[in-house]
Amino acid sequence: MQSESLQEIMEKLYSSQDQVEKTTFDVLNEQDKLCCLVSETSLEIQKLISKMEAINYCVANHLKDHLARVQGEKLKELEHVMSMVEEQELIGITVSQYIDTLATQASYACELVHIMENEVAVHREDIEGIEECVNCDSEKDAIGSK
């Protein structure tokens, strides 16, 4: 009777372990997809920011040339455009910093998921070790009762 309850416990442990392994596998796959997406997004944003910086540089140089020759309302307009170019550059830097932070956080999360995967594998081995002990004890009990 005791071996039946141990067998039921072992079945529940295996069932629970199977579910944890499935969930871990799903999380791992999704996390890997997320890390790839973040990395690809980061690269594309870096390309975009580089192009924006080049455009900003050209526009700023062009506007500086005109600033010396323009007066009155035209000067105010050019100064306004110049400030918008500077704001755009700051936005690009901020977005780049956010993407870098996001990539770092995704990388940390990915490492944690891989640690979790290893822990799940260790638990599987522990359950199998317990089952061996339970089976050994059951065999000894069966031999001793003969």
C-alpha atoms as a PDB file:
ATOM      1  CA  MET A   1       0.000   0.000   0.000  1.00  0.00           C
ATOM      2  CA  GLN A   2       2.839   2.361   0.821  1.00  0.00           C
ATOM      3  CA  SER A   3       4.481   1.620  -2.535  1.00  0.00           C
ATOM      4  CA  GLU A   4       1.227   2.556  -4.283  1.00  0.00           C
ATOM      5  CA  SER A   5       1.224   5.974  -2.626  1.00  0.00           C
ATOM      6  CA  LEU A   6       4.899   6.413  -3.478  1.00  0.00           C
ATOM      7  CA  GLN A   7       4.083   5.447  -7.055  1.00  0.00           C
ATOM      8  CA  GLU A   8       1.283   8.023  -7.147  1.00  0.00           C
ATOM      9  CA  ILE A   9       3.645  10.645  -5.759  1.00  0.00           C
ATOM     10  CA  MET A  10       6.230   9.745  -8.391  1.00  0.00           C
ATOM     11  CA  GLU A  11       3.617  10.025 -11.150  1.00  0.00           C
ATOM     12  CA  LYS A  12       2.592  13.464  -9.849  1.00  0.00           C
ATOM     13  CA  LEU A  13       6.238  14.538  -9.675  1.00  0.00           C
ATOM     14  CA  TYR A  14       6.820  13.404 -13.265  1.00  0.00           C
ATOM     15  CA  SER A  15       3.630  15.099 -14.442  1.00  0.00           C
ATOM     16  CA  SER A  16       4.594  18.320 -12.711  1.00  0.00           C
ATOM     17  CA  GLN A  17       8.138  18.087 -14.057  1.00  0.00           C
ATOM     18  CA  ASP A  18       6.827  17.516 -17.589  1.00  0.00           C
ATOM     19  CA  GLN A  19       4.697  20.663 -17.327  1.00  0.00           C
ATOM     20  CA  VAL A  20       7.605  22.710 -15.934  1.00  0.00           C
ATOM     21  CA  GLU A  21       9.858  21.487 -18.751  1.00  0.00           C
ATOM     22  CA  LYS A  22       7.252  22.374 -21.376  1.00  0.00           C
ATOM     23  CA  THR A  23       6.721  25.835 -19.908  1.00  0.00           C
ATOM     24  CA  THR A  24      10.473  26.393 -19.605  1.00  0.00           C
ATOM     25  CA  PHE A  25      10.984  25.335 -23.204  1.00  0.00           C
ATOM     26  CA  ASP A  26       8.240  27.729 -24.360  1.00  0.00           C
ATOM     27  CA  VAL A  27       9.680  30.590 -22.288  1.00  0.00           C
ATOM     28  CA  LEU A  28      13.178  29.855 -23.597  1.00  0.00           C
ATOM     29  CA  ASN A  29      12.011  29.915 -27.216  1.00  0.00           C
ATOM     30  CA  GLU A  30      10.081  33.162 -26.753  1.00  0.00           C
ATOM     31  CA  GLN A  31      12.987  34.755 -24.889  1.00  0.00           C
ATOM     32  CA  ASP A  32      15.408  33.792 -27.657  1.00  0.00           C
ATOM     33  CA  LYS A  33      13.035  35.289 -30.247  1.00  0.00           C
ATOM     34  CA  LEU A  34      12.785  38.461 -28.170  1.00  0.00           C
ATOM     35  CA  CYS A  35      16.567  38.741 -27.836  1.00  0.00           C
ATOM     36  CA  CYS A  36      16.967  38.362 -31.605  1.00  0.00           C
ATOM     37  CA  LEU A  37      14.264  40.937 -32.278  1.00  0.00           C
ATOM     38  CA  VAL A  38      15.804  43.414 -29.840  1.00  0.00           C
ATOM     39  CA  SER A  39      19.244  42.915 -31.409  1.00  0.00           C
ATOM     40  CA  GLU A  40      17.902  43.371 -34.947  1.00  0.00           C
ATOM     41  CA  THR A  41      15.923  46.443 -33.879  1.00  0.00           C
ATOM     42  CA  SER A  42      18.984  47.882 -32.189  1.00  0.00           C
ATOM     43  CA  LEU A  43      21.070  47.460 -35.343  1.00  0.00           C
ATOM     44  CA  GLU A  44      18.416  49.082 -37.529  1.00  0.00           C
ATOM     45  CA  ILE A  45      18.000  51.989 -35.119  1.00  0.00           C
ATOM     46  CA  GLN A  46      21.763  52.489 -35.008  1.00  0.00           C
ATOM     47  CA  LYS A  47      21.756  52.667 -38.832  1.00  0.00           C
ATOM     48  CA  LEU A  48      18.883  55.158 -38.726  1.00  0.00           C
ATOM     49  CA  ILE A  49      20.620  57.276 -36.101  1.00  0.00           C
ATOM     50  CA  SER A  50      23.844  57.279 -38.129  1.00  0.00           C
ATOM     51  CA  LYS A  51      21.933  58.508 -41.179  1.00  0.00           C
ATOM     52  CA  MET A  52      20.155  61.127 -39.055  1.00  0.00           C
ATOM     53  CA  GLU A  53      23.486  62.339 -37.714  1.00  0.00           C
ATOM     54  CA  ALA A  54      24.864  62.675 -41.245  1.00  0.00           C
ATOM     55  CA  ILE A  55      21.773  64.583 -42.375  1.00  0.00           C
ATOM     56  CA  ASN A  56      21.877  66.779 -39.258  1.00  0.00           C
ATOM     57  CA  TYR A  57      25.521  67.572 -39.920  1.00  0.00           C
ATOM     58  CA  CYS A  58      24.802  68.577 -43.521  1.00  0.00           C
ATOM     59  CA  VAL A  59      21.747  70.629 -42.571  1.00  0.00           C
ATOM     60  CA  ALA A  60      23.574  72.335 -39.697  1.00  0.00           C
ATOM     61  CA  ASN A  61      26.508  73.268 -41.934  1.00  0.00           C
ATOM     62  CA  HIS A  62      24.171  74.537 -44.639  1.00  0.00           C
ATOM     63  CA  LEU A  63      22.199  76.589 -42.118  1.00  0.00           C
ATOM     64  CA  LYS A  64      25.351  78.039 -40.561  1.00  0.00           C
ATOM     65  CA  ASP A  65      26.390  79.290 -43.989  1.00  0.00           C
ATOM     66  CA  HIS A  66      23.026  81.015 -44.412  1.00  0.00           C
ATOM     67  CA  LEU A  67      22.897  82.397 -40.873  1.00  0.00           C
ATOM     68  CA  ALA A  68      25.734  84.789 -41.676  1.00  0.00           C
ATOM     69  CA  ARG A  69      23.841  86.210 -44.675  1.00  0.00           C
ATOM     70  CA  VAL A  70      20.290  86.293 -43.355  1.00  0.00           C
ATOM     71  CA  GLN A  71      18.635  88.853 -41.096  1.00  0.00           C
ATOM     72  CA  GLY A  72      15.271  89.550 -39.479  1.00  0.00           C
ATOM     73  CA  GLU A  73      12.461  86.999 -39.801  1.00  0.00           C
ATOM     74  CA  LYS A  74      14.514  84.724 -42.038  1.00  0.00           C
ATOM     75  CA  LEU A  75      17.166  84.573 -39.326  1.00  0.00           C
ATOM     76  CA  LYS A  76      14.562  83.540 -36.743  1.00  0.00           C
ATOM     77  CA  GLU A  77      13.251  80.854 -39.090  1.00  0.00           C
ATOM     78  CA  LEU A  78      16.732  79.449 -39.691  1.00  0.00           C
ATOM     79  CA  GLU A  79      17.506  79.506 -35.967  1.00  0.00           C
ATOM     80  CA  HIS A  80      14.254  77.641 -35.333  1.00  0.00           C
ATOM     81  CA  VAL A  81      15.132  75.004 -37.943  1.00  0.00           C
ATOM     82  CA  MET A  82      18.601  74.752 -36.418  1.00  0.00           C
ATOM     83  CA  SER A  83      17.112  74.116 -32.960  1.00  0.00           C
ATOM     84  CA  MET A  84      14.805  71.437 -34.430  1.00  0.00           C
ATOM     85  CA  VAL A  85      17.849  69.716 -35.954  1.00  0.00           C
ATOM     86  CA  GLU A  86      19.573  69.799 -32.558  1.00  0.00           C
ATOM     87  CA  GLU A  87      16.438  68.404 -30.854  1.00  0.00           C
ATOM     88  CA  GLN A  88      16.263  65.604 -33.407  1.00  0.00           C
ATOM     89  CA  GLU A  89      19.859  64.696 -32.626  1.00  0.00           C
ATOM     90  CA  LEU A  90      19.096  64.561 -28.894  1.00  0.00           C
ATOM     91  CA  ILE A  91      16.054  62.366 -29.537  1.00  0.00           C
ATOM     92  CA  GLY A  92      18.232  60.002 -31.562  1.00  0.00           C
ATOM     93  CA  ILE A  93      20.743  59.763 -28.723  1.00  0.00           C
ATOM     94  CA  THR A  94      17.975  59.094 -26.178  1.00  0.00           C
ATOM     95  CA  VAL A  95      16.376  56.402 -28.340  1.00  0.00           C
ATOM     96  CA  SER A  96      19.767  54.787 -28.830  1.00  0.00           C
ATOM     97  CA  GLN A  97      20.320  54.726 -25.068  1.00  0.00           C
ATOM     98  CA  TYR A  98      16.885  53.166 -24.494  1.00  0.00           C
ATOM     99  CA  ILE A  99      17.552  50.490 -27.100  1.00  0.00           C
ATOM    100  CA  ASP A 100      20.927  49.711 -25.527  1.00  0.00           C
ATOM    101  CA  THR A 101      19.262  49.372 -22.112  1.00  0.00           C
ATOM    102  CA  LEU A 102      16.545  47.176 -23.605  1.00  0.00           C
ATOM    103  CA  ALA A 103      19.145  44.950 -25.279  1.00  0.00           C
ATOM    104  CA  THR A 104      21.068  44.629 -22.008  1.00  0.00           C
ATOM    105  CA  GLN A 105      17.917  43.733 -20.070  1.00  0.00           C
ATOM    106  CA  ALA A 106      16.871  41.198 -22.711  1.00  0.00           C
ATOM    107  CA  SER A 107      20.318  39.631 -22.498  1.00  0.00           C
ATOM    108  CA  TYR A 108      20.079  39.338 -18.691  1.00  0.00           C
ATOM    109  CA  ALA A 109      16.618  37.806 -18.974  1.00  0.00           C
ATOM    110  CA  CYS A 110      17.915  35.328 -21.551  1.00  0.00           C
ATOM    111  CA  GLU A 111      20.725  34.279 -19.204  1.00  0.00           C
ATOM    112  CA  LEU A 112      18.211  33.742 -16.389  1.00  0.00           C
ATOM    113  CA  VAL A 113      16.017  31.594 -18.607  1.00  0.00           C
ATOM    114  CA  HIS A 114      19.006  29.429 -19.518  1.00  0.00           C
ATOM    115  CA  ILE A 115      19.832  29.058 -15.795  1.00  0.00           C
ATOM    116  CA  MET A 116      16.217  28.032 -15.214  1.00  0.00           C
ATOM    117  CA  GLU A 117      16.520  25.469 -18.015  1.00  0.00           C
ATOM    118  CA  ASN A 118      19.545  23.921 -16.298  1.00  0.00           C
ATOM    119  CA  GLU A 119      17.740  23.833 -12.947  1.00  0.00           C
ATOM    120  CA  VAL A 120      14.778  22.062 -14.531  1.00  0.00           C
ATOM    121  CA  ALA A 121      17.154  19.438 -15.956  1.00  0.00           C
ATOM    122  CA  VAL A 122      18.694  18.920 -12.498  1.00  0.00           C
ATOM    123  CA  HIS A 123      15.231  18.464 -10.994  1.00  0.00           C
ATOM    124  CA  ARG A 124      14.470  15.808 -13.619  1.00  0.00           C
ATOM    125  CA  GLU A 125      17.626  13.947 -12.601  1.00  0.00           C
ATOM    126  CA  ASP A 126      16.649  14.233  -8.914  1.00  0.00           C
ATOM    127  CA  ILE A 127      13.195  12.792  -9.610  1.00  0.00           C
ATOM    128  CA  GLU A 128      14.738   9.913 -11.536  1.00  0.00           C
ATOM    129  CA  GLY A 129      17.113   9.283  -8.601  1.00  0.00           C
ATOM    130  CA  ILE A 130      14.199   9.237  -6.169  1.00  0.00           C
ATOM    131  CA  GLU A 131      12.337   6.822  -8.409  1.00  0.00           C
ATOM    132  CA  GLU A 132      15.331   4.482  -8.426  1.00  0.00           C
ATOM    133  CA  CYS A 133      15.405   4.562  -4.613  1.00  0.00           C
ATOM    134  CA  VAL A 134      11.662   3.920  -4.417  1.00  0.00           C
ATOM    135  CA  ASN A 135      11.969   1.014  -6.849  1.00  0.00           C
ATOM    136  CA  CYS A 136      14.936  -0.439  -4.896  1.00  0.00           C
ATOM    137  CA  ASP A 137      12.996  -0.215  -1.634  1.00  0.00           C
ATOM    138  CA  SER A 138       9.941  -1.813  -3.285  1.00  0.00           C
ATOM    139  CA  GLU A 139      12.081  -4.691  -4.567  1.00  0.00           C
ATOM    140  CA  LYS A 140      13.648  -5.180  -1.137  1.00  0.00           C
ATOM    141  CA  ASP A 141      10.203  -5.194   0.484  1.00  0.00           C
ATOM    142  CA  ALA A 142       8.990  -7.735  -2.061  1.00  0.00           C
ATOM    143  CA  ILE A 143      12.016  -9.995  -1.463  1.00  0.00           C
ATOM    144  CA  GLY A 144      11.734  -9.645   2.316  1.00  0.00           C
ATOM    145  CA  SER A 145       8.047 -10.624   2.324  1.00  0.00           C
ATOM    146  CA  LYS A 146       8.758 -13.904   0.520  1.00  0.00           C
END
